[in-house]
Amino acid sequence: MKLSIDTEKNFPSHTNIGMEVEAIVHGNALFDPHQHNRETLDDLISDLIQYRNTLPTVNEYMKSGRLNNHCPFPKDVEKNGKL
């Protein structure tokens, strides 16, 4: 049972990642009146990159079976090179 809990901690769900991203965006959206929005944007990007770096890669999700390669989106991007 502990292995399952640890595994889930290492591979947050789609929903949990989305909620964390929303929290980061919301936290940065509470603009500091003494900070230029360009600085806020830099802070937001930095915070999102820091969070991304705590997560497994897309390939690690795929190898673990938590992200299947049947989703058309990644193949479309590879094939067309654009969204």
PDB file of N, CA and C in Angstrom:
ATOM      1  N   MET A   1       0.820  -1.191   0.000  1.00  0.00           N
ATOM      2  CA  MET A   1       0.000   0.000   0.000  1.00  0.00           C
ATOM      3  C   MET A   1       0.863   1.253   0.000  1.00  0.00           C
ATOM      4  N   LYS A   2       1.918   1.297   0.770  1.00  0.00           N
ATOM      5  CA  LYS A   2       2.783   2.474   0.822  1.00  0.00           C
ATOM      6  C   LYS A   2       3.396   2.761  -0.540  1.00  0.00           C
ATOM      7  N   LEU A   3       3.762   1.733  -1.277  1.00  0.00           N
ATOM      8  CA  LEU A   3       4.325   1.933  -2.614  1.00  0.00           C
ATOM      9  C   LEU A   3       3.340   2.689  -3.497  1.00  0.00           C
ATOM     10  N   SER A   4       2.076   2.348  -3.424  1.00  0.00           N
ATOM     11  CA  SER A   4       1.059   3.013  -4.223  1.00  0.00           C
ATOM     12  C   SER A   4       0.955   4.491  -3.857  1.00  0.00           C
ATOM     13  N   ILE A   5       0.971   4.789  -2.562  1.00  0.00           N
ATOM     14  CA  ILE A   5       0.891   6.181  -2.116  1.00  0.00           C
ATOM     15  C   ILE A   5       2.120   6.949  -2.587  1.00  0.00           C
ATOM     16  N   ASP A   6       3.307   6.379  -2.413  1.00  0.00           N
ATOM     17  CA  ASP A   6       4.533   7.043  -2.860  1.00  0.00           C
ATOM     18  C   ASP A   6       4.518   7.256  -4.363  1.00  0.00           C
ATOM     19  N   THR A   7       4.022   6.270  -5.096  1.00  0.00           N
ATOM     20  CA  THR A   7       3.970   6.381  -6.544  1.00  0.00           C
ATOM     21  C   THR A   7       3.062   7.539  -6.945  1.00  0.00           C
ATOM     22  N   GLU A   8       1.921   7.664  -6.300  1.00  0.00           N
ATOM     23  CA  GLU A   8       1.000   8.745  -6.620  1.00  0.00           C
ATOM     24  C   GLU A   8       1.624  10.103  -6.301  1.00  0.00           C
ATOM     25  N   LYS A   9       2.403  10.183  -5.248  1.00  0.00           N
ATOM     26  CA  LYS A   9       3.072  11.435  -4.918  1.00  0.00           C
ATOM     27  C   LYS A   9       4.083  11.808  -6.000  1.00  0.00           C
ATOM     28  N   ASN A  10       4.735  10.812  -6.588  1.00  0.00           N
ATOM     29  CA  ASN A  10       5.740  11.065  -7.604  1.00  0.00           C
ATOM     30  C   ASN A  10       5.131  11.400  -8.954  1.00  0.00           C
ATOM     31  N   PHE A  11       3.896  10.976  -9.195  1.00  0.00           N
ATOM     32  CA  PHE A  11       3.218  11.200 -10.464  1.00  0.00           C
ATOM     33  C   PHE A  11       1.859  11.844 -10.184  1.00  0.00           C
ATOM     34  N   PRO A  12       1.833  13.161  -9.925  1.00  0.00           N
ATOM     35  CA  PRO A  12       0.550  13.808  -9.662  1.00  0.00           C
ATOM     36  C   PRO A  12      -0.398  13.615 -10.838  1.00  0.00           C
ATOM     37  N   SER A  13      -1.695  13.562 -10.523  1.00  0.00           N
ATOM     38  CA  SER A  13      -2.707  13.364 -11.550  1.00  0.00           C
ATOM     39  C   SER A  13      -2.850  14.607 -12.419  1.00  0.00           C
ATOM     40  N   HIS A  14      -3.492  14.420 -13.547  1.00  0.00           N
ATOM     41  CA  HIS A  14      -3.814  15.515 -14.466  1.00  0.00           C
ATOM     42  C   HIS A  14      -4.532  16.629 -13.704  1.00  0.00           C
ATOM     43  N   THR A  15      -5.504  16.240 -12.894  1.00  0.00           N
ATOM     44  CA  THR A  15      -6.294  17.211 -12.127  1.00  0.00           C
ATOM     45  C   THR A  15      -5.441  17.944 -11.107  1.00  0.00           C
ATOM     46  N   ASN A  16      -4.606  17.218 -10.379  1.00  0.00           N
ATOM     47  CA  ASN A  16      -3.769  17.854  -9.357  1.00  0.00           C
ATOM     48  C   ASN A  16      -2.769  18.826  -9.972  1.00  0.00           C
ATOM     49  N   ILE A  17      -2.214  18.461 -11.119  1.00  0.00           N
ATOM     50  CA  ILE A  17      -1.293  19.384 -11.797  1.00  0.00           C
ATOM     51  C   ILE A  17      -2.048  20.645 -12.208  1.00  0.00           C
ATOM     52  N   GLY A  18      -3.244  20.473 -12.765  1.00  0.00           N
ATOM     53  CA  GLY A  18      -4.044  21.630 -13.170  1.00  0.00           C
ATOM     54  C   GLY A  18      -4.371  22.536 -11.999  1.00  0.00           C
ATOM     55  N   MET A  19      -4.710  21.945 -10.855  1.00  0.00           N
ATOM     56  CA  MET A  19      -5.036  22.756  -9.673  1.00  0.00           C
ATOM     57  C   MET A  19      -3.810  23.516  -9.181  1.00  0.00           C
ATOM     58  N   GLU A  20      -2.652  22.874  -9.233  1.00  0.00           N
ATOM     59  CA  GLU A  20      -1.424  23.552  -8.799  1.00  0.00           C
ATOM     60  C   GLU A  20      -1.074  24.697  -9.743  1.00  0.00           C
ATOM     61  N   VAL A  21      -1.221  24.468 -11.039  1.00  0.00           N
ATOM     62  CA  VAL A  21      -0.949  25.525 -12.018  1.00  0.00           C
ATOM     63  C   VAL A  21      -1.896  26.697 -11.785  1.00  0.00           C
ATOM     64  N   GLU A  22      -3.173  26.397 -11.569  1.00  0.00           N
ATOM     65  CA  GLU A  22      -4.142  27.472 -11.289  1.00  0.00           C
ATOM     66  C   GLU A  22      -3.753  28.250 -10.041  1.00  0.00           C
ATOM     67  N   ALA A  23      -3.307  27.559  -9.004  1.00  0.00           N
ATOM     68  CA  ALA A  23      -2.893  28.231  -7.768  1.00  0.00           C
ATOM     69  C   ALA A  23      -1.689  29.130  -8.011  1.00  0.00           C
ATOM     70  N   ILE A  24      -0.746  28.664  -8.809  1.00  0.00           N
ATOM     71  CA  ILE A  24       0.438  29.480  -9.123  1.00  0.00           C
ATOM     72  C   ILE A  24       0.020  30.715  -9.900  1.00  0.00           C
ATOM     73  N   VAL A  25      -0.817  30.529 -10.913  1.00  0.00           N
ATOM     74  CA  VAL A  25      -1.273  31.664 -11.725  1.00  0.00           C
ATOM     75  C   VAL A  25      -2.057  32.639 -10.859  1.00  0.00           C
ATOM     76  N   HIS A  26      -2.971  32.119 -10.056  1.00  0.00           N
ATOM     77  CA  HIS A  26      -3.784  32.985  -9.198  1.00  0.00           C
ATOM     78  C   HIS A  26      -2.897  33.741  -8.214  1.00  0.00           C
ATOM     79  N   GLY A  27      -1.927  33.046  -7.633  1.00  0.00           N
ATOM     80  CA  GLY A  27      -1.024  33.690  -6.681  1.00  0.00           C
ATOM     81  C   GLY A  27      -0.235  34.823  -7.305  1.00  0.00           C
ATOM     82  N   ASN A  28       0.144  34.662  -8.546  1.00  0.00           N
ATOM     83  CA  ASN A  28       0.888  35.706  -9.240  1.00  0.00           C
ATOM     84  C   ASN A  28      -0.034  36.796  -9.781  1.00  0.00           C
ATOM     85  N   ALA A  29      -1.321  36.467  -9.932  1.00  0.00           N
ATOM     86  CA  ALA A  29      -2.274  37.432 -10.485  1.00  0.00           C
ATOM     87  C   ALA A  29      -2.679  38.483  -9.461  1.00  0.00           C
ATOM     88  N   LEU A  30      -2.405  38.212  -8.203  1.00  0.00           N
ATOM     89  CA  LEU A  30      -2.688  39.217  -7.185  1.00  0.00           C
ATOM     90  C   LEU A  30      -1.587  40.269  -7.272  1.00  0.00           C
ATOM     91  N   PHE A  31      -1.754  41.141  -8.229  1.00  0.00           N
ATOM     92  CA  PHE A  31      -0.707  42.073  -8.616  1.00  0.00           C
ATOM     93  C   PHE A  31      -0.280  42.980  -7.474  1.00  0.00           C
ATOM     94  N   ASP A  32       0.991  43.134  -7.353  1.00  0.00           N
ATOM     95  CA  ASP A  32       1.587  44.071  -6.421  1.00  0.00           C
ATOM     96  C   ASP A  32       1.546  45.441  -7.095  1.00  0.00           C
ATOM     97  N   PRO A  33       0.883  46.405  -6.498  1.00  0.00           N
ATOM     98  CA  PRO A  33       0.780  47.712  -7.146  1.00  0.00           C
ATOM     99  C   PRO A  33       2.135  48.390  -7.348  1.00  0.00           C
ATOM    100  N   HIS A  34       3.149  47.905  -6.654  1.00  0.00           N
ATOM    101  CA  HIS A  34       4.488  48.487  -6.785  1.00  0.00           C
ATOM    102  C   HIS A  34       5.361  47.705  -7.756  1.00  0.00           C
ATOM    103  N   GLN A  35       4.787  46.703  -8.394  1.00  0.00           N
ATOM    104  CA  GLN A  35       5.540  45.865  -9.328  1.00  0.00           C
ATOM    105  C   GLN A  35       4.931  45.999 -10.715  1.00  0.00           C
ATOM    106  N   HIS A  36       5.779  46.210 -11.701  1.00  0.00           N
ATOM    107  CA  HIS A  36       5.326  46.310 -13.089  1.00  0.00           C
ATOM    108  C   HIS A  36       4.837  44.940 -13.541  1.00  0.00           C
ATOM    109  N   ASN A  37       3.817  44.897 -14.398  1.00  0.00           N
ATOM    110  CA  ASN A  37       3.275  43.617 -14.867  1.00  0.00           C
ATOM    111  C   ASN A  37       4.313  42.785 -15.598  1.00  0.00           C
ATOM    112  N   ARG A  38       5.313  43.405 -16.172  1.00  0.00           N
ATOM    113  CA  ARG A  38       6.394  42.648 -16.827  1.00  0.00           C
ATOM    114  C   ARG A  38       7.165  41.849 -15.786  1.00  0.00           C
ATOM    115  N   GLU A  39       7.354  42.426 -14.607  1.00  0.00           N
ATOM    116  CA  GLU A  39       8.013  41.703 -13.517  1.00  0.00           C
ATOM    117  C   GLU A  39       7.124  40.559 -13.026  1.00  0.00           C
ATOM    118  N   THR A  40       5.819  40.821 -12.959  1.00  0.00           N
ATOM    119  CA  THR A  40       4.871  39.788 -12.549  1.00  0.00           C
ATOM    120  C   THR A  40       4.922  38.616 -13.516  1.00  0.00           C
ATOM    121  N   LEU A  41       4.993  38.918 -14.797  1.00  0.00           N
ATOM    122  CA  LEU A  41       5.077  37.863 -15.817  1.00  0.00           C
ATOM    123  C   LEU A  41       6.334  37.023 -15.612  1.00  0.00           C
ATOM    124  N   ASP A  42       7.466  37.676 -15.373  1.00  0.00           N
ATOM    125  CA  ASP A  42       8.706  36.930 -15.118  1.00  0.00           C
ATOM    126  C   ASP A  42       8.559  36.021 -13.894  1.00  0.00           C
ATOM    127  N   ASP A  43       7.935  36.548 -12.848  1.00  0.00           N
ATOM    128  CA  ASP A  43       7.729  35.748 -11.634  1.00  0.00           C
ATOM    129  C   ASP A  43       6.842  34.542 -11.915  1.00  0.00           C
ATOM    130  N   LEU A  44       5.778  34.762 -12.675  1.00  0.00           N
ATOM    131  CA  LEU A  44       4.859  33.668 -13.011  1.00  0.00           C
ATOM    132  C   LEU A  44       5.567  32.581 -13.805  1.00  0.00           C
ATOM    133  N   ILE A  45       6.308  32.978 -14.815  1.00  0.00           N
ATOM    134  CA  ILE A  45       7.035  32.007 -15.633  1.00  0.00           C
ATOM    135  C   ILE A  45       8.049  31.248 -14.785  1.00  0.00           C
ATOM    136  N   SER A  46       8.755  31.953 -13.944  1.00  0.00           N
ATOM    137  CA  SER A  46       9.743  31.311 -13.071  1.00  0.00           C
ATOM    138  C   SER A  46       9.080  30.298 -12.143  1.00  0.00           C
ATOM    139  N   ASP A  47       7.946  30.684 -11.554  1.00  0.00           N
ATOM    140  CA  ASP A  47       7.241  29.771 -10.649  1.00  0.00           C
ATOM    141  C   ASP A  47       6.733  28.532 -11.381  1.00  0.00           C
ATOM    142  N   LEU A  48       6.218  28.722 -12.596  1.00  0.00           N
ATOM    143  CA  LEU A  48       5.737  27.580 -13.371  1.00  0.00           C
ATOM    144  C   LEU A  48       6.880  26.649 -13.766  1.00  0.00           C
ATOM    145  N   ILE A  49       8.014  27.201 -14.140  1.00  0.00           N
ATOM    146  CA  ILE A  49       9.175  26.374 -14.486  1.00  0.00           C
ATOM    147  C   ILE A  49       9.659  25.602 -13.263  1.00  0.00           C
ATOM    148  N   GLN A  50       9.697  26.275 -12.112  1.00  0.00           N
ATOM    149  CA  GLN A  50      10.111  25.584 -10.890  1.00  0.00           C
ATOM    150  C   GLN A  50       9.168  24.419 -10.588  1.00  0.00           C
ATOM    151  N   TYR A  51       7.863  24.627 -10.757  1.00  0.00           N
ATOM    152  CA  TYR A  51       6.916  23.541 -10.516  1.00  0.00           C
ATOM    153  C   TYR A  51       7.112  22.425 -11.536  1.00  0.00           C
ATOM    154  N   ARG A  52       7.259  22.787 -12.805  1.00  0.00           N
ATOM    155  CA  ARG A  52       7.471  21.771 -13.843  1.00  0.00           C
ATOM    156  C   ARG A  52       8.682  20.909 -13.515  1.00  0.00           C
ATOM    157  N   ASN A  53       9.725  21.518 -12.986  1.00  0.00           N
ATOM    158  CA  ASN A  53      10.946  20.779 -12.681  1.00  0.00           C
ATOM    159  C   ASN A  53      10.785  19.792 -11.533  1.00  0.00           C
ATOM    160  N   THR A  54       9.700  19.900 -10.770  1.00  0.00           N
ATOM    161  CA  THR A  54       9.446  18.934  -9.693  1.00  0.00           C
ATOM    162  C   THR A  54       8.688  17.715 -10.194  1.00  0.00           C
ATOM    163  N   LEU A  55       8.176  17.795 -11.425  1.00  0.00           N
ATOM    164  CA  LEU A  55       7.337  16.730 -11.977  1.00  0.00           C
ATOM    165  C   LEU A  55       8.134  15.777 -12.856  1.00  0.00           C
ATOM    166  N   PRO A  56       7.655  14.539 -12.977  1.00  0.00           N
ATOM    167  CA  PRO A  56       8.255  13.639 -13.962  1.00  0.00           C
ATOM    168  C   PRO A  56       8.026  14.201 -15.369  1.00  0.00           C
ATOM    169  N   THR A  57       8.848  13.793 -16.293  1.00  0.00           N
ATOM    170  CA  THR A  57       8.690  14.229 -17.682  1.00  0.00           C
ATOM    171  C   THR A  57       7.505  13.506 -18.316  1.00  0.00           C
ATOM    172  N   VAL A  58       7.063  13.997 -19.468  1.00  0.00           N
ATOM    173  CA  VAL A  58       5.991  13.336 -20.208  1.00  0.00           C
ATOM    174  C   VAL A  58       6.399  11.901 -20.527  1.00  0.00           C
ATOM    175  N   ASN A  59       7.640  11.690 -20.925  1.00  0.00           N
ATOM    176  CA  ASN A  59       8.109  10.331 -21.224  1.00  0.00           C
ATOM    177  C   ASN A  59       8.040   9.428 -19.997  1.00  0.00           C
ATOM    178  N   GLU A  60       8.361   9.978 -18.826  1.00  0.00           N
ATOM    179  CA  GLU A  60       8.274   9.176 -17.600  1.00  0.00           C
ATOM    180  C   GLU A  60       6.821   8.821 -17.290  1.00  0.00           C
ATOM    181  N   TYR A  61       5.902   9.756 -17.524  1.00  0.00           N
ATOM    182  CA  TYR A  61       4.482   9.442 -17.353  1.00  0.00           C
ATOM    183  C   TYR A  61       4.067   8.342 -18.320  1.00  0.00           C
ATOM    184  N   MET A  62       4.512   8.433 -19.566  1.00  0.00           N
ATOM    185  CA  MET A  62       4.156   7.420 -20.564  1.00  0.00           C
ATOM    186  C   MET A  62       4.710   6.055 -20.174  1.00  0.00           C
ATOM    187  N   LYS A  63       5.976   6.006 -19.768  1.00  0.00           N
ATOM    188  CA  LYS A  63       6.594   4.733 -19.392  1.00  0.00           C
ATOM    189  C   LYS A  63       5.918   4.104 -18.183  1.00  0.00           C
ATOM    190  N   SER A  64       5.373   4.955 -17.290  1.00  0.00           N
ATOM    191  CA  SER A  64       4.708   4.433 -16.089  1.00  0.00           C
ATOM    192  C   SER A  64       3.287   3.975 -16.384  1.00  0.00           C
ATOM    193  N   GLY A  65       2.802   4.257 -17.596  1.00  0.00           N
ATOM    194  CA  GLY A  65       1.445   3.876 -17.961  1.00  0.00           C
ATOM    195  C   GLY A  65       0.391   4.881 -17.541  1.00  0.00           C
ATOM    196  N   ARG A  66       0.812   6.028 -17.020  1.00  0.00           N
ATOM    197  CA  ARG A  66      -0.137   7.039 -16.569  1.00  0.00           C
ATOM    198  C   ARG A  66      -0.544   8.005 -17.676  1.00  0.00           C
ATOM    199  N   LEU A  67       0.167   7.971 -18.757  1.00  0.00           N
ATOM    200  CA  LEU A  67      -0.142   8.823 -19.906  1.00  0.00           C
ATOM    201  C   LEU A  67       0.019   7.935 -21.120  1.00  0.00           C
ATOM    202  N   ASN A  68      -1.082   7.694 -21.819  1.00  0.00           N
ATOM    203  CA  ASN A  68      -0.977   6.770 -22.944  1.00  0.00           C
ATOM    204  C   ASN A  68      -0.565   7.521 -24.204  1.00  0.00           C
ATOM    205  N   ASN A  69      -0.013   6.794 -25.124  1.00  0.00           N
ATOM    206  CA  ASN A  69       0.424   7.403 -26.377  1.00  0.00           C
ATOM    207  C   ASN A  69      -0.662   7.310 -27.441  1.00  0.00           C
ATOM    208  N   HIS A  70      -1.902   7.054 -27.007  1.00  0.00           N
ATOM    209  CA  HIS A  70      -3.020   7.019 -27.945  1.00  0.00           C
ATOM    210  C   HIS A  70      -3.673   8.387 -28.072  1.00  0.00           C
ATOM    211  N   CYS A  71      -3.228   9.325 -27.262  1.00  0.00           N
ATOM    212  CA  CYS A  71      -3.754  10.681 -27.328  1.00  0.00           C
ATOM    213  C   CYS A  71      -3.286  11.305 -28.642  1.00  0.00           C
ATOM    214  N   PRO A  72      -4.188  11.835 -29.453  1.00  0.00           N
ATOM    215  CA  PRO A  72      -3.798  12.361 -30.758  1.00  0.00           C
ATOM    216  C   PRO A  72      -2.972  13.638 -30.683  1.00  0.00           C
ATOM    217  N   PHE A  73      -3.102  14.398 -29.604  1.00  0.00           N
ATOM    218  CA  PHE A  73      -2.431  15.691 -29.554  1.00  0.00           C
ATOM    219  C   PHE A  73      -0.912  15.601 -29.759  1.00  0.00           C
ATOM    220  N   PRO A  74      -0.182  14.782 -28.961  1.00  0.00           N
ATOM    221  CA  PRO A  74       1.280  14.747 -29.164  1.00  0.00           C
ATOM    222  C   PRO A  74       1.677  14.313 -30.582  1.00  0.00           C
ATOM    223  N   LYS A  75       0.939  13.363 -31.156  1.00  0.00           N
ATOM    224  CA  LYS A  75       1.278  12.906 -32.511  1.00  0.00           C
ATOM    225  C   LYS A  75       1.031  14.016 -33.528  1.00  0.00           C
ATOM    226  N   ASP A  76      -0.053  14.780 -33.342  1.00  0.00           N
ATOM    227  CA  ASP A  76      -0.330  15.892 -34.248  1.00  0.00           C
ATOM    228  C   ASP A  76       0.783  16.920 -34.187  1.00  0.00           C
ATOM    229  N   VAL A  77       1.254  17.202 -32.990  1.00  0.00           N
ATOM    230  CA  VAL A  77       2.317  18.187 -32.848  1.00  0.00           C
ATOM    231  C   VAL A  77       3.587  17.677 -33.508  1.00  0.00           C
ATOM    232  N   GLU A  78       3.921  16.394 -33.271  1.00  0.00           N
ATOM    233  CA  GLU A  78       5.119  15.827 -33.906  1.00  0.00           C
ATOM    234  C   GLU A  78       4.997  15.877 -35.421  1.00  0.00           C
ATOM    235  N   LYS A  79       3.847  15.518 -35.917  1.00  0.00           N
ATOM    236  CA  LYS A  79       3.620  15.412 -37.354  1.00  0.00           C
ATOM    237  C   LYS A  79       3.614  16.788 -38.028  1.00  0.00           C
ATOM    238  N   ASN A  80       2.895  17.728 -37.431  1.00  0.00           N
ATOM    239  CA  ASN A  80       2.726  19.036 -38.044  1.00  0.00           C
ATOM    240  C   ASN A  80       3.689  20.093 -37.511  1.00  0.00           C
ATOM    241  N   GLY A  81       4.243  19.842 -36.352  1.00  0.00           N
ATOM    242  CA  GLY A  81       5.146  20.812 -35.750  1.00  0.00           C
ATOM    243  C   GLY A  81       4.462  22.058 -35.251  1.00  0.00           C
ATOM    244  N   LYS A  82       3.137  22.020 -35.155  1.00  0.00           N
ATOM    245  CA  LYS A  82       2.390  23.161 -34.642  1.00  0.00           C
ATOM    246  C   LYS A  82       1.085  22.681 -34.018  1.00  0.00           C
ATOM    247  N   LEU A  83       0.440  23.574 -33.308  1.00  0.00           N
ATOM    248  CA  LEU A  83      -0.827  23.236 -32.654  1.00  0.00           C
ATOM    249  C   LEU A  83      -1.948  23.216 -33.651  1.00  0.00           C
TER     250      LEU A  83
END
